[in-house]
Structures are given as C-alpha cells and as structure tokens.
Amino acid sequence: MFISDNITRKSNLDVSDSLSAYLNHTCQQNPNCFVEFYKLLLAKKPKRILEIGTAQGGLTTYLKYMCDALELDTQIRSYDVNELPWFDAIREQGIDLCVENIFEPNYTGLANDEIIDFIQGDGVTLVLCDGGSKVREFNILSEYIKPLDIIMAHDYAFDSDYFTKTIKGKFWNWHEISEQDIKDCSDKFNLKPFMQDGFTKAVWVCKIKKEKY
C-alpha cells in the first residue's frame, strides 16, 4: 500500500528546513518517518494513538490517513498547548485534538488523570512524545503504558557522538533526546527497542513494553 513516490517533499537539511510531506500531509519530520510509521501501524494495529505536540499536524493527519487506509479502528488523540488556525481542519478529520497541558508544572507528573485511562484501555496504545520536553514526556508517560504498548520520542539519537557522526546533516539537524536520558525508566518499566533500526533513520526512539516473567 505504501508507495514511496507519494513522498512529495523532503526536508532540506542544508538550510535546516525540517518540512517533509506525504501527499498533502506536511510535517516537521525526516521523510523516512512515513515508511517507518506505515510499517509500525501495519505490524501492531494500535487501538489508540496518543500524541504530545500537534504542531503543524502533518504527522497526526498522516497517521489518520494510514489508519483509515489500513482499515484500522484506531482512535487518535493529540495534545498541544496552543490553539493554531489549522486545528479545526484537523478535528474535522475525526481526530481528537485537545489544547491542554497534560503535565504538572516543571513536569513533576501528569495533571490529567484521564490520560492514564486512555493509555490503559484495551488493545495496543502507541504513545508519541514530540512536545516541548521530550525527555520528561517519555519518562512520565512510560510509567503508564501496558505490556505490548509502544512509546516513542522524536529528535532521538543514541548519544551526541552518534548524532554528530551519523545523523547531523544527513538525516536530521536536531537532537533532543538520547538513550541515557531514558535508560532508568526503560530498565524500570521493561522497555525494549522495537523496530529501532528503521526508526533511527527517522530520528525516533521506539520501545515496546515487554511482559515480565
């Protein structure tokens, strides 16, 4: 179903232009994200997606487009802290887009317990951390995901050395989260890499919560 020719715009890192597009879904992402998220949706068929950081909404609407194309019964809820002019158009697509800060001041925890109920509903939940503090978003939300749920964060590289040598100027120019930032919560909540080889080139960390035996 995925046709690479449908990537109609690719980010230009020479001028730090982060915008890519799949058909009319323009987002601040490396274009590799379109292939990798398609593969993830196809493999895991999530019942719900929680996105932190709607921004331009391109990734949000792309995920909705692909869920519909794959005939998945997936609820998408996206949060941003500012209302933007294009948000109503996104809501009209059936996306639950909320303008609300779900975190307590200084990211000491969740301010909205409804998020926990949403994450812990039946079936696989996919959590995407792409807001203003990805490290703290990941660390807080990772506590609540269920076994077989997936949690991800954008602008990821394993460490600063890997980012400088392998990613910067080639795949992406921004680095906001490293493996060391999420090591403690990954160990504590039994989070393991999932489809990470592909998502490394899309500058996302991708972890699945494993069952403990």
Protein backbone atom coordinates (compact mmCIF):
# COMPACT_ATOMS: atom_id res chain seq x y z
CA MET A 1 0.00 0.00 0.00
CA PHE A 2 2.82 2.41 0.80
CA ILE A 3 4.24 3.99 -2.38
CA SER A 4 7.47 5.94 -1.89
CA ASP A 5 6.59 8.21 -4.82
CA ASN A 6 3.90 9.70 -2.57
CA ILE A 7 6.60 11.47 -0.56
CA THR A 8 6.14 14.80 -2.29
CA ARG A 9 8.54 16.94 -0.28
CA LYS A 10 11.75 16.15 1.57
CA SER A 11 13.43 18.22 4.24
CA ASN A 12 16.45 20.26 3.13
CA LEU A 13 18.99 19.99 5.91
CA ASP A 14 21.45 22.29 4.15
CA VAL A 15 19.23 25.19 5.21
CA SER A 16 17.78 23.46 8.31
CA ASP A 17 14.40 23.07 6.59
CA SER A 18 12.60 20.34 8.56
CA LEU A 19 9.45 20.01 6.44
CA SER A 20 8.56 16.84 4.58
CA ALA A 21 5.27 15.80 3.02
CA TYR A 22 3.38 12.65 2.09
CA LEU A 23 0.78 13.81 -0.43
CA ASN A 24 -0.72 16.82 1.40
CA HIS A 25 0.43 15.78 4.89
CA THR A 26 3.25 18.22 5.62
CA CYS A 27 5.12 17.75 8.88
CA GLN A 28 8.34 18.61 10.68
CA GLN A 29 9.82 15.16 10.18
CA ASN A 30 12.52 13.35 8.31
CA PRO A 31 10.79 11.76 5.27
CA ASN A 32 11.87 8.30 6.46
CA CYS A 33 9.14 8.58 9.09
CA PHE A 34 6.40 7.90 6.54
CA VAL A 35 7.73 4.44 5.67
CA GLU A 36 8.53 3.51 9.25
CA PHE A 37 5.21 4.59 10.74
CA TYR A 38 3.37 2.74 8.00
CA LYS A 39 5.29 -0.44 8.90
CA LEU A 40 4.55 0.10 12.59
CA LEU A 41 0.83 0.60 12.03
CA LEU A 42 0.69 -2.48 9.84
CA ALA A 43 2.57 -4.63 12.36
CA LYS A 44 0.92 -3.53 15.62
CA LYS A 45 -2.53 -2.23 14.57
CA PRO A 46 -2.88 0.11 17.57
CA LYS A 47 -6.30 0.70 19.07
CA ARG A 48 -5.33 4.23 20.02
CA ILE A 49 -2.57 6.77 19.47
CA LEU A 50 -1.64 9.45 21.99
CA GLU A 51 0.44 12.25 20.52
CA ILE A 52 2.08 15.01 22.55
CA GLY A 53 2.81 18.01 20.31
CA THR A 54 0.44 18.51 17.37
CA ALA A 55 2.32 21.50 15.87
CA GLN A 56 1.52 21.68 12.15
CA GLY A 57 -0.47 18.46 12.40
CA GLY A 58 1.11 16.76 9.43
CA LEU A 59 2.17 13.63 11.24
CA THR A 60 -1.17 13.50 13.04
CA THR A 61 -3.14 13.62 9.80
CA TYR A 62 -0.76 11.20 8.08
CA LEU A 63 -1.35 8.65 10.83
CA LYS A 64 -5.11 9.12 10.47
CA TYR A 65 -4.80 8.74 6.70
CA MET A 66 -2.85 5.49 7.04
CA CYS A 67 -5.08 4.06 9.78
CA ASP A 68 -8.08 4.63 7.52
CA ALA A 69 -6.27 3.17 4.51
CA LEU A 70 -5.39 0.06 6.54
CA GLU A 71 -8.98 -0.11 7.84
CA LEU A 72 -7.82 0.11 11.44
CA ASP A 73 -10.22 1.07 14.20
CA THR A 74 -7.73 3.47 15.80
CA GLN A 75 -8.61 6.45 17.98
CA ILE A 76 -6.14 9.32 17.67
CA ARG A 77 -5.82 11.91 20.40
CA SER A 78 -3.31 14.74 20.05
CA TYR A 79 -2.39 17.44 22.55
CA ASP A 80 -0.82 20.84 22.06
CA VAL A 81 -0.53 23.81 24.42
CA ASN A 82 -1.57 26.46 21.85
CA GLU A 83 -4.61 26.68 19.58
CA LEU A 84 -3.48 27.15 15.98
CA PRO A 85 -5.52 28.24 12.94
CA TRP A 86 -5.45 24.84 11.21
CA PHE A 87 -6.56 22.78 14.20
CA ASP A 88 -10.27 22.85 13.34
CA ALA A 89 -9.50 21.31 9.95
CA ILE A 90 -7.63 18.51 11.72
CA ARG A 91 -10.55 17.94 14.09
CA GLU A 92 -12.89 17.66 11.11
CA GLN A 93 -10.96 14.54 10.06
CA GLY A 94 -12.11 12.75 13.20
CA ILE A 95 -9.00 13.41 15.28
CA ASP A 96 -9.47 14.28 18.95
CA LEU A 97 -7.23 17.34 19.11
CA CYS A 98 -7.04 18.98 22.55
CA VAL A 99 -5.41 22.25 23.57
CA GLU A 100 -4.25 21.46 27.07
CA ASN A 101 -1.05 20.95 29.02
CA ILE A 102 -1.41 17.45 30.45
CA PHE A 103 1.71 17.79 32.63
CA GLU A 104 2.08 19.43 36.01
CA PRO A 105 4.38 22.49 36.31
CA ASN A 106 8.05 21.53 35.93
CA TYR A 107 6.92 18.11 34.67
CA THR A 108 6.56 16.62 38.14
CA GLY A 109 3.82 14.31 36.86
CA LEU A 110 0.55 14.20 34.95
CA ALA A 111 -2.01 16.93 35.51
CA ASN A 112 -4.76 15.00 33.76
CA ASP A 113 -5.60 11.51 35.07
CA GLU A 114 -7.82 10.95 32.04
CA ILE A 115 -4.61 10.31 30.07
CA ILE A 116 -3.90 7.23 32.18
CA ASP A 117 -7.35 5.79 31.42
CA PHE A 118 -6.83 6.50 27.74
CA ILE A 119 -3.44 4.77 27.63
CA GLN A 120 -4.62 1.77 29.62
CA GLY A 121 -7.66 0.96 27.52
CA ASP A 122 -7.92 -2.46 25.88
CA GLY A 123 -5.60 -3.11 22.97
CA VAL A 124 -2.28 -1.63 21.93
CA THR A 125 -1.62 2.04 22.68
CA LEU A 126 1.02 3.98 20.75
CA VAL A 127 2.42 6.98 22.65
CA LEU A 128 4.31 9.66 20.71
CA CYS A 129 6.38 12.24 22.63
CA ASP A 130 7.03 15.21 20.37
CA GLY A 131 6.28 18.22 22.56
CA GLY A 132 8.45 20.80 24.22
CA SER A 133 10.27 18.46 26.63
CA LYS A 134 10.58 15.03 25.06
CA VAL A 135 12.80 13.53 27.74
CA ARG A 136 10.40 14.40 30.54
CA GLU A 137 7.34 13.44 28.49
CA PHE A 138 8.84 10.00 27.80
CA ASN A 139 9.90 9.46 31.40
CA ILE A 140 6.48 10.38 32.79
CA LEU A 141 4.28 8.56 30.27
CA SER A 142 6.38 5.38 30.22
CA GLU A 143 5.10 4.58 33.72
CA TYR A 144 1.55 4.10 32.47
CA ILE A 145 1.86 2.05 29.30
CA LYS A 146 0.72 -1.57 29.36
CA PRO A 147 2.61 -4.66 28.22
CA LEU A 148 2.83 -4.63 24.40
CA ASP A 149 2.19 -0.87 24.26
CA ILE A 150 4.75 1.25 22.42
CA ILE A 151 6.27 4.57 23.44
CA MET A 152 8.33 6.78 21.15
CA ALA A 153 10.07 10.17 21.13
CA HIS A 154 11.24 12.39 18.29
CA ASP A 155 14.62 14.07 17.69
CA TYR A 156 16.41 10.99 19.02
CA ALA A 157 19.96 9.77 18.63
CA PHE A 158 21.64 7.13 20.77
CA ASP A 159 24.14 9.70 22.01
CA SER A 160 25.68 13.01 20.94
CA ASP A 161 28.65 11.33 19.27
CA TYR A 162 26.36 9.18 17.09
CA PHE A 163 24.27 12.23 16.26
CA THR A 164 27.30 14.26 15.16
CA LYS A 165 28.93 11.49 13.11
CA THR A 166 25.92 9.74 11.61
CA ILE A 167 22.78 11.87 11.69
CA LYS A 168 23.55 15.60 11.60
CA GLY A 169 23.43 16.96 8.07
CA LYS A 170 22.48 13.51 6.73
CA PHE A 171 19.14 12.58 8.31
CA TRP A 172 18.30 15.41 10.71
CA ASN A 173 19.75 18.52 12.35
CA TRP A 174 18.04 18.36 15.75
CA HIS A 175 18.88 16.23 18.79
CA GLU A 176 16.73 16.48 21.93
CA ILE A 177 16.78 13.01 23.47
CA SER A 178 19.43 10.31 23.93
CA GLU A 179 19.40 6.75 25.26
CA GLN A 180 20.97 7.82 28.53
CA ASP A 181 18.03 10.18 29.14
CA ILE A 182 15.57 7.28 29.20
CA LYS A 183 17.75 4.44 30.47
CA ASP A 184 16.37 4.43 34.01
CA CYS A 185 12.72 4.34 33.01
CA SER A 186 13.44 1.79 30.27
CA ASP A 187 15.02 -0.52 32.83
CA LYS A 188 12.35 0.13 35.45
CA PHE A 189 9.37 -0.45 33.16
CA ASN A 190 10.94 -3.17 30.98
CA LEU A 191 11.00 -1.15 27.76
CA LYS A 192 12.90 -2.77 24.90
CA PRO A 193 13.85 -1.46 21.43
CA PHE A 194 11.25 -2.15 18.74
CA MET A 195 11.83 -1.61 15.00
CA GLN A 196 14.65 0.67 16.12
CA ASP A 197 16.92 0.21 13.10
CA GLY A 198 14.34 1.78 10.82
CA PHE A 199 13.25 4.45 13.29
CA THR A 200 16.85 5.53 13.96
CA LYS A 201 16.91 6.87 10.41
CA ALA A 202 13.63 8.65 11.13
CA VAL A 203 15.19 10.06 14.35
CA TRP A 204 12.64 8.45 16.66
CA VAL A 205 13.28 6.15 19.59
CA CYS A 206 10.80 3.29 19.62
CA LYS A 207 10.35 0.99 22.62
CA ILE A 208 7.83 -1.69 23.47
CA LYS A 209 6.87 -2.69 27.00
CA LYS A 210 7.61 -6.37 27.49
CA GLU A 211 5.85 -8.75 29.83
CA LYS A 212 7.82 -9.54 33.00
CA TYR A 213 8.21 -13.17 33.89
